[in-house]
Amino acid sequence: QVQLVESGGGLVQAGGSLRLSCAASRSTFNLNDMAWYRQTPGSRRELVAGLAATGLENYEDSVKGRFSVSRENGNTVHLQMNNLKPADTAVYYCSVPMLNVWGQGTQVTVSS
């Protein structure tokens, strides 16, 4: 079973940037679609961005133009987050839906 580990979260001021990374224990992202989700306390996990194995990207409306997902290689995917807003504060997870695999999450906190 592949394992996913997120990193790169932290505290940033509004307008700042962070780059999240998702590392897989074996080559995965060149063969499988992946997705970034986020969740705040008391809310459902929501899709933020997706990256298909073909390279096709999709984004939730509120992050379009600010977030960008990219694949470094079969083991590593990044989520570049620019112009961050307090509403982006959440725990961010990477996932490979077809394999039903999730990382442990990384906290992103954006202060106003």
Protein backbone atom coordinates (compact mmCIF):
# COMPACT_ATOMS: atom_id res chain seq x y z
CA GLN A 1 0.00 0.00 0.00
CA VAL A 2 1.47 3.35 -1.00
CA GLN A 3 1.87 5.93 1.75
CA LEU A 4 1.58 9.69 1.33
CA VAL A 5 3.27 12.34 3.45
CA GLU A 6 2.46 16.04 3.22
CA SER A 7 4.84 18.80 4.23
CA GLY A 8 5.26 22.54 3.88
CA GLY A 9 2.41 23.83 5.97
CA GLY A 10 2.82 26.65 8.44
CA LEU A 11 1.75 30.09 9.54
CA VAL A 12 1.76 32.89 7.00
CA GLN A 13 0.27 36.36 6.77
CA ALA A 14 -2.51 37.14 4.34
CA GLY A 15 -1.07 37.76 0.90
CA GLY A 16 1.81 35.40 1.51
CA SER A 17 2.72 32.12 -0.13
CA LEU A 18 3.35 28.52 0.85
CA ARG A 19 4.32 25.46 -1.13
CA LEU A 20 2.97 22.15 0.04
CA SER A 21 4.56 18.89 -1.00
CA CYS A 22 3.16 15.39 -1.11
CA ALA A 23 5.67 12.56 -1.15
CA ALA A 24 4.63 9.03 -2.05
CA SER A 25 6.46 5.94 -0.81
CA ARG A 26 6.68 4.66 -4.37
CA SER A 27 6.12 6.00 -7.85
CA THR A 28 2.43 6.79 -7.95
CA PHE A 29 1.55 10.15 -9.43
CA ASN A 30 2.60 9.37 -12.99
CA LEU A 31 0.14 6.50 -13.02
CA ASN A 32 -2.73 7.77 -10.89
CA ASP A 33 -4.78 10.90 -10.54
CA MET A 34 -4.19 12.75 -7.32
CA ALA A 35 -5.96 15.49 -5.43
CA TRP A 36 -5.46 18.04 -2.71
CA TYR A 37 -8.22 18.49 -0.15
CA ARG A 38 -8.62 20.72 2.87
CA GLN A 39 -10.70 20.56 6.00
CA THR A 40 -11.56 22.92 8.83
CA PRO A 41 -13.01 21.84 12.18
CA GLY A 42 -16.67 20.93 11.90
CA SER A 43 -16.64 21.01 8.10
CA ARG A 44 -16.50 18.40 5.42
CA ARG A 45 -13.27 17.80 3.57
CA GLU A 46 -13.37 19.80 0.33
CA LEU A 47 -11.54 19.34 -2.93
CA VAL A 48 -9.02 22.11 -3.59
CA ALA A 49 -7.15 20.93 -6.67
CA GLY A 50 -6.69 17.84 -8.76
CA LEU A 51 -3.93 16.64 -11.02
CA ALA A 52 -4.63 13.80 -13.41
CA ALA A 53 -1.93 11.36 -14.45
CA THR A 54 -2.30 12.91 -17.90
CA GLY A 55 -1.32 16.28 -16.46
CA LEU A 56 -4.79 17.80 -16.59
CA GLU A 57 -5.38 20.16 -13.68
CA ASN A 58 -8.57 21.33 -12.02
CA TYR A 59 -9.23 23.78 -9.21
CA GLU A 60 -11.96 24.75 -6.82
CA ASP A 61 -13.31 28.16 -7.81
CA SER A 62 -12.05 30.04 -4.76
CA VAL A 63 -8.42 29.09 -5.42
CA LYS A 64 -8.30 29.51 -9.19
CA GLY A 65 -5.55 31.89 -10.18
CA ARG A 66 -3.90 31.58 -6.75
CA PHE A 67 -3.09 27.87 -6.36
CA SER A 68 -1.16 25.71 -8.75
CA VAL A 69 -0.58 21.97 -8.61
CA SER A 70 2.44 20.38 -10.24
CA ARG A 71 4.15 17.03 -10.45
CA GLU A 72 7.86 16.94 -9.86
CA ASN A 73 8.16 13.24 -10.60
CA GLY A 74 6.24 10.03 -9.97
CA ASN A 75 6.82 10.35 -6.25
CA THR A 76 6.30 14.04 -5.54
CA VAL A 77 3.56 16.56 -6.16
CA HIS A 78 3.44 20.19 -5.04
CA LEU A 79 0.68 22.66 -4.33
CA GLN A 80 1.88 26.24 -4.74
CA MET A 81 -0.39 28.60 -2.86
CA ASN A 82 -0.08 32.31 -3.52
CA ASN A 83 -1.99 35.34 -2.26
CA LEU A 84 -3.22 33.33 0.69
CA LYS A 85 -6.32 34.44 2.56
CA PRO A 86 -7.53 33.72 6.09
CA ALA A 87 -10.29 31.61 4.52
CA ASP A 88 -7.57 29.24 3.23
CA THR A 89 -6.76 28.23 6.81
CA ALA A 90 -7.27 24.48 7.05
CA VAL A 91 -5.56 21.14 7.27
CA TYR A 92 -4.48 20.17 3.76
CA TYR A 93 -4.40 16.55 2.62
CA CYS A 94 -3.13 14.87 -0.48
CA SER A 95 -4.88 11.82 -1.79
CA VAL A 96 -4.89 9.24 -4.53
CA PRO A 97 -8.61 8.59 -4.79
CA MET A 98 -8.38 5.47 -6.94
CA LEU A 99 -6.24 3.81 -4.26
CA ASN A 100 -8.21 5.36 -1.39
CA VAL A 101 -4.97 6.60 0.12
CA TRP A 102 -4.60 9.77 2.19
CA GLY A 103 -1.75 11.56 3.85
CA GLN A 104 -1.81 12.65 7.47
CA GLY A 105 -2.38 16.30 6.60
CA THR A 106 -0.44 19.51 7.10
CA GLN A 107 -1.79 22.60 8.84
CA VAL A 108 -1.96 25.88 6.95
CA THR A 109 -2.81 28.97 8.99
CA VAL A 110 -3.23 32.36 7.35
CA SER A 111 -3.37 35.36 9.67
CA SER A 112 -5.12 38.58 8.76
